[in-house]
Every structure is written in structure tokens, then in C-alpha cells.
Amino acid sequence: MNKLDVCGLSCPLPVLKVSEAIKAGQLPVTVVTEPGAPRENIKRLAATNKLQVRETAREDGIYVLELSRA
């Protein structure tokens, strides 16, 4: 499984990196991201691409999003 850590990146970089992985066919992909806009925008991108999202919140406030084909 591919893994992307986009923590600390400014928008729109998190979405661009995930979009590149999707276009390259690197699915399933696990994305580690911060709460707020990056997380919401990545989930929106996944929905647009008809991907399933499994989301886990870690104790440190970081989110792990697992994106895969439906």
C-alpha cells in the first residue's frame, strides 16, 4: 500500500500530492494529514473520484485516510 504524509504542507499541496497518486493509479493509498482544510479537501477529492475513504483519528490529532476504489 502506498503512503503519503502531507502533514505540514500548505494548501493546495496536500490535495495536489494525493491527486497525483490517484492519477498514477497508486491505489490503495494511505494519507496522513492534519485536521481542518487539508483533511476535508482530500475527502472531497476522494468523493469526486468515487473512492472509498476509511478515516482514523490518532490521539495526537492527526488523521489517517485510507483511499481505495469502491
PDB file of N, CA and C in Angstrom:
ATOM      1  N   MET A   1       0.851  -1.181   0.000  1.00  0.00           N
ATOM      2  CA  MET A   1       0.000   0.000   0.000  1.00  0.00           C
ATOM      3  C   MET A   1       0.892   1.238   0.000  1.00  0.00           C
ATOM      4  N   ASN A   2       0.521   2.217  -0.791  1.00  0.00           N
ATOM      5  CA  ASN A   2       1.252   3.471  -0.869  1.00  0.00           C
ATOM      6  C   ASN A   2       0.886   4.352   0.316  1.00  0.00           C
ATOM      7  N   LYS A   3       1.848   5.163   0.754  1.00  0.00           N
ATOM      8  CA  LYS A   3       1.607   6.044   1.895  1.00  0.00           C
ATOM      9  C   LYS A   3       2.118   7.440   1.570  1.00  0.00           C
ATOM     10  N   LEU A   4       1.287   8.437   1.870  1.00  0.00           N
ATOM     11  CA  LEU A   4       1.649   9.841   1.701  1.00  0.00           C
ATOM     12  C   LEU A   4       1.485  10.553   3.035  1.00  0.00           C
ATOM     13  N   ASP A   5       2.520  11.225   3.474  1.00  0.00           N
ATOM     14  CA  ASP A   5       2.438  12.052   4.679  1.00  0.00           C
ATOM     15  C   ASP A   5       2.431  13.500   4.215  1.00  0.00           C
ATOM     16  N   VAL A   6       1.275  14.150   4.315  1.00  0.00           N
ATOM     17  CA  VAL A   6       1.145  15.522   3.846  1.00  0.00           C
ATOM     18  C   VAL A   6       1.037  16.512   5.008  1.00  0.00           C
ATOM     19  N   CYS A   7       1.388  16.075   6.203  1.00  0.00           N
ATOM     20  CA  CYS A   7       1.367  16.959   7.374  1.00  0.00           C
ATOM     21  C   CYS A   7       2.371  18.090   7.172  1.00  0.00           C
ATOM     22  N   GLY A   8       1.957  19.288   7.532  1.00  0.00           N
ATOM     23  CA  GLY A   8       2.845  20.436   7.458  1.00  0.00           C
ATOM     24  C   GLY A   8       2.890  21.116   6.105  1.00  0.00           C
ATOM     25  N   LEU A   9       2.243  20.533   5.097  1.00  0.00           N
ATOM     26  CA  LEU A   9       2.226  21.152   3.773  1.00  0.00           C
ATOM     27  C   LEU A   9       1.089  22.164   3.696  1.00  0.00           C
ATOM     28  N   SER A  10       1.352  23.273   3.034  1.00  0.00           N
ATOM     29  CA  SER A  10       0.333  24.307   2.859  1.00  0.00           C
ATOM     30  C   SER A  10      -0.572  23.955   1.691  1.00  0.00           C
ATOM     31  N   CYS A  11      -1.831  24.362   1.801  1.00  0.00           N
ATOM     32  CA  CYS A  11      -2.774  24.163   0.697  1.00  0.00           C
ATOM     33  C   CYS A  11      -2.284  24.958  -0.510  1.00  0.00           C
ATOM     34  N   PRO A  12      -2.389  24.402  -1.675  1.00  0.00           N
ATOM     35  CA  PRO A  12      -3.115  23.200  -2.070  1.00  0.00           C
ATOM     36  C   PRO A  12      -2.236  21.947  -2.184  1.00  0.00           C
ATOM     37  N   LEU A  13      -1.014  21.986  -1.663  1.00  0.00           N
ATOM     38  CA  LEU A  13      -0.087  20.864  -1.846  1.00  0.00           C
ATOM     39  C   LEU A  13      -0.615  19.507  -1.382  1.00  0.00           C
ATOM     40  N   PRO A  14      -1.284  19.397  -0.223  1.00  0.00           N
ATOM     41  CA  PRO A  14      -1.789  18.074   0.163  1.00  0.00           C
ATOM     42  C   PRO A  14      -2.722  17.463  -0.887  1.00  0.00           C
ATOM     43  N   VAL A  15      -3.636  18.265  -1.405  1.00  0.00           N
ATOM     44  CA  VAL A  15      -4.583  17.767  -2.403  1.00  0.00           C
ATOM     45  C   VAL A  15      -3.866  17.439  -3.707  1.00  0.00           C
ATOM     46  N   LEU A  16      -2.907  18.267  -4.099  1.00  0.00           N
ATOM     47  CA  LEU A  16      -2.169  18.008  -5.339  1.00  0.00           C
ATOM     48  C   LEU A  16      -1.395  16.699  -5.260  1.00  0.00           C
ATOM     49  N   LYS A  17      -0.761  16.434  -4.128  1.00  0.00           N
ATOM     50  CA  LYS A  17       0.007  15.194  -3.966  1.00  0.00           C
ATOM     51  C   LYS A  17      -0.904  13.967  -4.012  1.00  0.00           C
ATOM     52  N   VAL A  18      -2.052  14.056  -3.358  1.00  0.00           N
ATOM     53  CA  VAL A  18      -2.996  12.939  -3.376  1.00  0.00           C
ATOM     54  C   VAL A  18      -3.570  12.768  -4.784  1.00  0.00           C
ATOM     55  N   SER A  19      -3.878  13.864  -5.451  1.00  0.00           N
ATOM     56  CA  SER A  19      -4.402  13.810  -6.810  1.00  0.00           C
ATOM     57  C   SER A  19      -3.405  13.144  -7.755  1.00  0.00           C
ATOM     58  N   GLU A  20      -2.130  13.470  -7.616  1.00  0.00           N
ATOM     59  CA  GLU A  20      -1.085  12.849  -8.441  1.00  0.00           C
ATOM     60  C   GLU A  20      -1.040  11.342  -8.207  1.00  0.00           C
ATOM     61  N   ALA A  21      -1.155  10.924  -6.962  1.00  0.00           N
ATOM     62  CA  ALA A  21      -1.132   9.493  -6.642  1.00  0.00           C
ATOM     63  C   ALA A  21      -2.333   8.780  -7.262  1.00  0.00           C
ATOM     64  N   ILE A  22      -3.500   9.420  -7.203  1.00  0.00           N
ATOM     65  CA  ILE A  22      -4.705   8.824  -7.790  1.00  0.00           C
ATOM     66  C   ILE A  22      -4.532   8.690  -9.301  1.00  0.00           C
ATOM     67  N   LYS A  23      -4.069   9.757  -9.951  1.00  0.00           N
ATOM     68  CA  LYS A  23      -3.884   9.736 -11.406  1.00  0.00           C
ATOM     69  C   LYS A  23      -2.849   8.708 -11.831  1.00  0.00           C
ATOM     70  N   ALA A  24      -1.853   8.465 -10.983  1.00  0.00           N
ATOM     71  CA  ALA A  24      -0.807   7.487 -11.293  1.00  0.00           C
ATOM     72  C   ALA A  24      -1.260   6.058 -10.994  1.00  0.00           C
ATOM     73  N   GLY A  25      -2.481   5.904 -10.479  1.00  0.00           N
ATOM     74  CA  GLY A  25      -3.010   4.580 -10.188  1.00  0.00           C
ATOM     75  C   GLY A  25      -2.435   3.953  -8.933  1.00  0.00           C
ATOM     76  N   GLN A  26      -1.929   4.780  -8.025  1.00  0.00           N
ATOM     77  CA  GLN A  26      -1.303   4.279  -6.802  1.00  0.00           C
ATOM     78  C   GLN A  26      -2.343   4.037  -5.708  1.00  0.00           C
ATOM     79  N   LEU A  27      -3.308   3.214  -6.023  1.00  0.00           N
ATOM     80  CA  LEU A  27      -4.362   2.893  -5.068  1.00  0.00           C
ATOM     81  C   LEU A  27      -4.251   1.436  -4.669  1.00  0.00           C
ATOM     82  N   PRO A  28      -4.568   1.094  -3.448  1.00  0.00           N
ATOM     83  CA  PRO A  28      -4.997   1.988  -2.373  1.00  0.00           C
ATOM     84  C   PRO A  28      -3.833   2.841  -1.880  1.00  0.00           C
ATOM     85  N   VAL A  29      -4.183   3.978  -1.279  1.00  0.00           N
ATOM     86  CA  VAL A  29      -3.181   4.879  -0.725  1.00  0.00           C
ATOM     87  C   VAL A  29      -3.611   5.293   0.677  1.00  0.00           C
ATOM     88  N   THR A  30      -2.649   5.361   1.578  1.00  0.00           N
ATOM     89  CA  THR A  30      -2.884   5.832   2.936  1.00  0.00           C
ATOM     90  C   THR A  30      -2.320   7.238   3.035  1.00  0.00           C
ATOM     91  N   VAL A  31      -3.156   8.177   3.470  1.00  0.00           N
ATOM     92  CA  VAL A  31      -2.752   9.577   3.570  1.00  0.00           C
ATOM     93  C   VAL A  31      -2.772   9.988   5.037  1.00  0.00           C
ATOM     94  N   VAL A  32      -1.655  10.523   5.506  1.00  0.00           N
ATOM     95  CA  VAL A  32      -1.545  11.037   6.870  1.00  0.00           C
ATOM     96  C   VAL A  32      -1.653  12.553   6.762  1.00  0.00           C
ATOM     97  N   THR A  33      -2.649  13.140   7.440  1.00  0.00           N
ATOM     98  CA  THR A  33      -2.895  14.570   7.293  1.00  0.00           C
ATOM     99  C   THR A  33      -3.338  15.203   8.609  1.00  0.00           C
ATOM    100  N   GLU A  34      -3.312  16.506   8.609  1.00  0.00           N
ATOM    101  CA  GLU A  34      -3.752  17.280   9.766  1.00  0.00           C
ATOM    102  C   GLU A  34      -5.249  17.562   9.645  1.00  0.00           C
ATOM    103  N   PRO A  35      -5.885  17.934  10.757  1.00  0.00           N
ATOM    104  CA  PRO A  35      -7.308  18.272  10.700  1.00  0.00           C
ATOM    105  C   PRO A  35      -7.514  19.591   9.956  1.00  0.00           C
ATOM    106  N   GLY A  36      -8.761  19.866   9.643  1.00  0.00           N
ATOM    107  CA  GLY A  36      -9.089  21.128   9.001  1.00  0.00           C
ATOM    108  C   GLY A  36      -9.168  21.002   7.492  1.00  0.00           C
ATOM    109  N   ALA A  37      -8.800  22.080   6.805  1.00  0.00           N
ATOM    110  CA  ALA A  37      -8.955  22.156   5.354  1.00  0.00           C
ATOM    111  C   ALA A  37      -8.262  21.027   4.593  1.00  0.00           C
ATOM    112  N   PRO A  38      -7.014  20.666   4.927  1.00  0.00           N
ATOM    113  CA  PRO A  38      -6.390  19.578   4.156  1.00  0.00           C
ATOM    114  C   PRO A  38      -7.204  18.282   4.215  1.00  0.00           C
ATOM    115  N   ARG A  39      -7.640  17.923   5.389  1.00  0.00           N
ATOM    116  CA  ARG A  39      -8.429  16.694   5.571  1.00  0.00           C
ATOM    117  C   ARG A  39      -9.726  16.758   4.780  1.00  0.00           C
ATOM    118  N   GLU A  40     -10.445  17.856   4.905  1.00  0.00           N
ATOM    119  CA  GLU A  40     -11.728  18.000   4.212  1.00  0.00           C
ATOM    120  C   GLU A  40     -11.548  18.012   2.699  1.00  0.00           C
ATOM    121  N   ASN A  41     -10.519  18.696   2.219  1.00  0.00           N
ATOM    122  CA  ASN A  41     -10.288  18.769   0.778  1.00  0.00           C
ATOM    123  C   ASN A  41      -9.881  17.418   0.196  1.00  0.00           C
ATOM    124  N   ILE A  42      -9.104  16.640   0.935  1.00  0.00           N
ATOM    125  CA  ILE A  42      -8.719  15.303   0.471  1.00  0.00           C
ATOM    126  C   ILE A  42      -9.948  14.398   0.423  1.00  0.00           C
ATOM    127  N   LYS A  43     -10.818  14.496   1.413  1.00  0.00           N
ATOM    128  CA  LYS A  43     -12.047  13.700   1.411  1.00  0.00           C
ATOM    129  C   LYS A  43     -12.945  14.102   0.241  1.00  0.00           C
ATOM    130  N   ARG A  44     -12.999  15.391  -0.066  1.00  0.00           N
ATOM    131  CA  ARG A  44     -13.794  15.877  -1.199  1.00  0.00           C
ATOM    132  C   ARG A  44     -13.217  15.338  -2.516  1.00  0.00           C
ATOM    133  N   LEU A  45     -11.888  15.358  -2.634  1.00  0.00           N
ATOM    134  CA  LEU A  45     -11.219  14.821  -3.820  1.00  0.00           C
ATOM    135  C   LEU A  45     -11.546  13.337  -3.986  1.00  0.00           C
ATOM    136  N   ALA A  46     -11.521  12.599  -2.897  1.00  0.00           N
ATOM    137  CA  ALA A  46     -11.839  11.170  -2.942  1.00  0.00           C
ATOM    138  C   ALA A  46     -13.275  10.954  -3.420  1.00  0.00           C
ATOM    139  N   ALA A  47     -14.205  11.735  -2.909  1.00  0.00           N
ATOM    140  CA  ALA A  47     -15.606  11.603  -3.312  1.00  0.00           C
ATOM    141  C   ALA A  47     -15.772  11.915  -4.800  1.00  0.00           C
ATOM    142  N   THR A  48     -15.091  12.938  -5.270  1.00  0.00           N
ATOM    143  CA  THR A  48     -15.148  13.309  -6.684  1.00  0.00           C
ATOM    144  C   THR A  48     -14.650  12.171  -7.572  1.00  0.00           C
ATOM    145  N   ASN A  49     -13.667  11.430  -7.079  1.00  0.00           N
ATOM    146  CA  ASN A  49     -13.089  10.316  -7.834  1.00  0.00           C
ATOM    147  C   ASN A  49     -13.746   8.974  -7.504  1.00  0.00           C
ATOM    148  N   LYS A  50     -14.870   9.029  -6.791  1.00  0.00           N
ATOM    149  CA  LYS A  50     -15.641   7.834  -6.416  1.00  0.00           C
ATOM    150  C   LYS A  50     -14.797   6.808  -5.662  1.00  0.00           C
ATOM    151  N   LEU A  51     -14.014   7.304  -4.710  1.00  0.00           N
ATOM    152  CA  LEU A  51     -13.173   6.444  -3.885  1.00  0.00           C
ATOM    153  C   LEU A  51     -13.795   6.267  -2.509  1.00  0.00           C
ATOM    154  N   GLN A  52     -13.555   5.121  -1.912  1.00  0.00           N
ATOM    155  CA  GLN A  52     -13.968   4.887  -0.535  1.00  0.00           C
ATOM    156  C   GLN A  52     -12.912   5.491   0.382  1.00  0.00           C
ATOM    157  N   VAL A  53     -13.362   6.047   1.498  1.00  0.00           N
ATOM    158  CA  VAL A  53     -12.450   6.635   2.478  1.00  0.00           C
ATOM    159  C   VAL A  53     -12.700   5.983   3.830  1.00  0.00           C
ATOM    160  N   ARG A  54     -11.646   5.453   4.405  1.00  0.00           N
ATOM    161  CA  ARG A  54     -11.710   4.961   5.785  1.00  0.00           C
ATOM    162  C   ARG A  54     -10.837   5.894   6.608  1.00  0.00           C
ATOM    163  N   GLU A  55     -11.437   6.530   7.588  1.00  0.00           N
ATOM    164  CA  GLU A  55     -10.759   7.576   8.350  1.00  0.00           C
ATOM    165  C   GLU A  55     -10.527   7.137   9.790  1.00  0.00           C
ATOM    166  N   THR A  56      -9.308   7.377  10.267  1.00  0.00           N
ATOM    167  CA  THR A  56      -8.954   7.081  11.646  1.00  0.00           C
ATOM    168  C   THR A  56      -8.311   8.319  12.254  1.00  0.00           C
ATOM    169  N   ALA A  57      -8.777   8.712  13.434  1.00  0.00           N
ATOM    170  CA  ALA A  57      -8.175   9.836  14.154  1.00  0.00           C
ATOM    171  C   ALA A  57      -7.196   9.286  15.182  1.00  0.00           C
ATOM    172  N   ARG A  58      -5.975   9.766  15.131  1.00  0.00           N
ATOM    173  CA  ARG A  58      -4.983   9.349  16.116  1.00  0.00           C
ATOM    174  C   ARG A  58      -5.097  10.239  17.352  1.00  0.00           C
ATOM    175  N   GLU A  59      -4.516   9.795  18.448  1.00  0.00           N
ATOM    176  CA  GLU A  59      -4.572  10.555  19.702  1.00  0.00           C
ATOM    177  C   GLU A  59      -3.858  11.897  19.612  1.00  0.00           C
ATOM    178  N   ASP A  60      -2.888  12.006  18.701  1.00  0.00           N
ATOM    179  CA  ASP A  60      -2.133  13.254  18.565  1.00  0.00           C
ATOM    180  C   ASP A  60      -2.826  14.277  17.665  1.00  0.00           C
ATOM    181  N   GLY A  61      -4.067  13.977  17.227  1.00  0.00           N
ATOM    182  CA  GLY A  61      -4.830  14.916  16.412  1.00  0.00           C
ATOM    183  C   GLY A  61      -4.616  14.759  14.919  1.00  0.00           C
ATOM    184  N   ILE A  62      -3.772  13.842  14.532  1.00  0.00           N
ATOM    185  CA  ILE A  62      -3.503  13.586  13.123  1.00  0.00           C
ATOM    186  C   ILE A  62      -4.524  12.570  12.607  1.00  0.00           C
ATOM    187  N   TYR A  63      -4.873  12.695  11.326  1.00  0.00           N
ATOM    188  CA  TYR A  63      -5.833  11.783  10.707  1.00  0.00           C
ATOM    189  C   TYR A  63      -5.144  10.899   9.681  1.00  0.00           C
ATOM    190  N   VAL A  64      -5.592   9.660   9.635  1.00  0.00           N
ATOM    191  CA  VAL A  64      -5.116   8.708   8.637  1.00  0.00           C
ATOM    192  C   VAL A  64      -6.311   8.369   7.753  1.00  0.00           C
ATOM    193  N   LEU A  65      -6.184   8.688   6.463  1.00  0.00           N
ATOM    194  CA  LEU A  65      -7.243   8.428   5.496  1.00  0.00           C
ATOM    195  C   LEU A  65      -6.774   7.323   4.561  1.00  0.00           C
ATOM    196  N   GLU A  66      -7.538   6.264   4.471  1.00  0.00           N
ATOM    197  CA  GLU A  66      -7.221   5.175   3.552  1.00  0.00           C
ATOM    198  C   GLU A  66      -8.175   5.279   2.370  1.00  0.00           C
ATOM    199  N   LEU A  67      -7.623   5.572   1.199  1.00  0.00           N
ATOM    200  CA  LEU A  67      -8.416   5.746  -0.011  1.00  0.00           C
ATOM    201  C   LEU A  67      -8.292   4.505  -0.884  1.00  0.00           C
ATOM    202  N   SER A  68      -9.432   4.015  -1.366  1.00  0.00           N
ATOM    203  CA  SER A  68      -9.418   2.840  -2.233  1.00  0.00           C
ATOM    204  C   SER A  68     -10.598   2.907  -3.195  1.00  0.00           C
ATOM    205  N   ARG A  69     -10.513   2.097  -4.237  1.00  0.00           N
ATOM    206  CA  ARG A  69     -11.615   2.018  -5.202  1.00  0.00           C
ATOM    207  C   ARG A  69     -12.823   1.371  -4.537  1.00  0.00           C
ATOM    208  N   ALA A  70     -13.986   1.846  -4.933  1.00  0.00           N
ATOM    209  CA  ALA A  70     -15.240   1.306  -4.372  1.00  0.00           C
ATOM    210  C   ALA A  70     -15.484  -0.109  -4.848  1.00  0.00           C
TER     211      ALA A  70
END
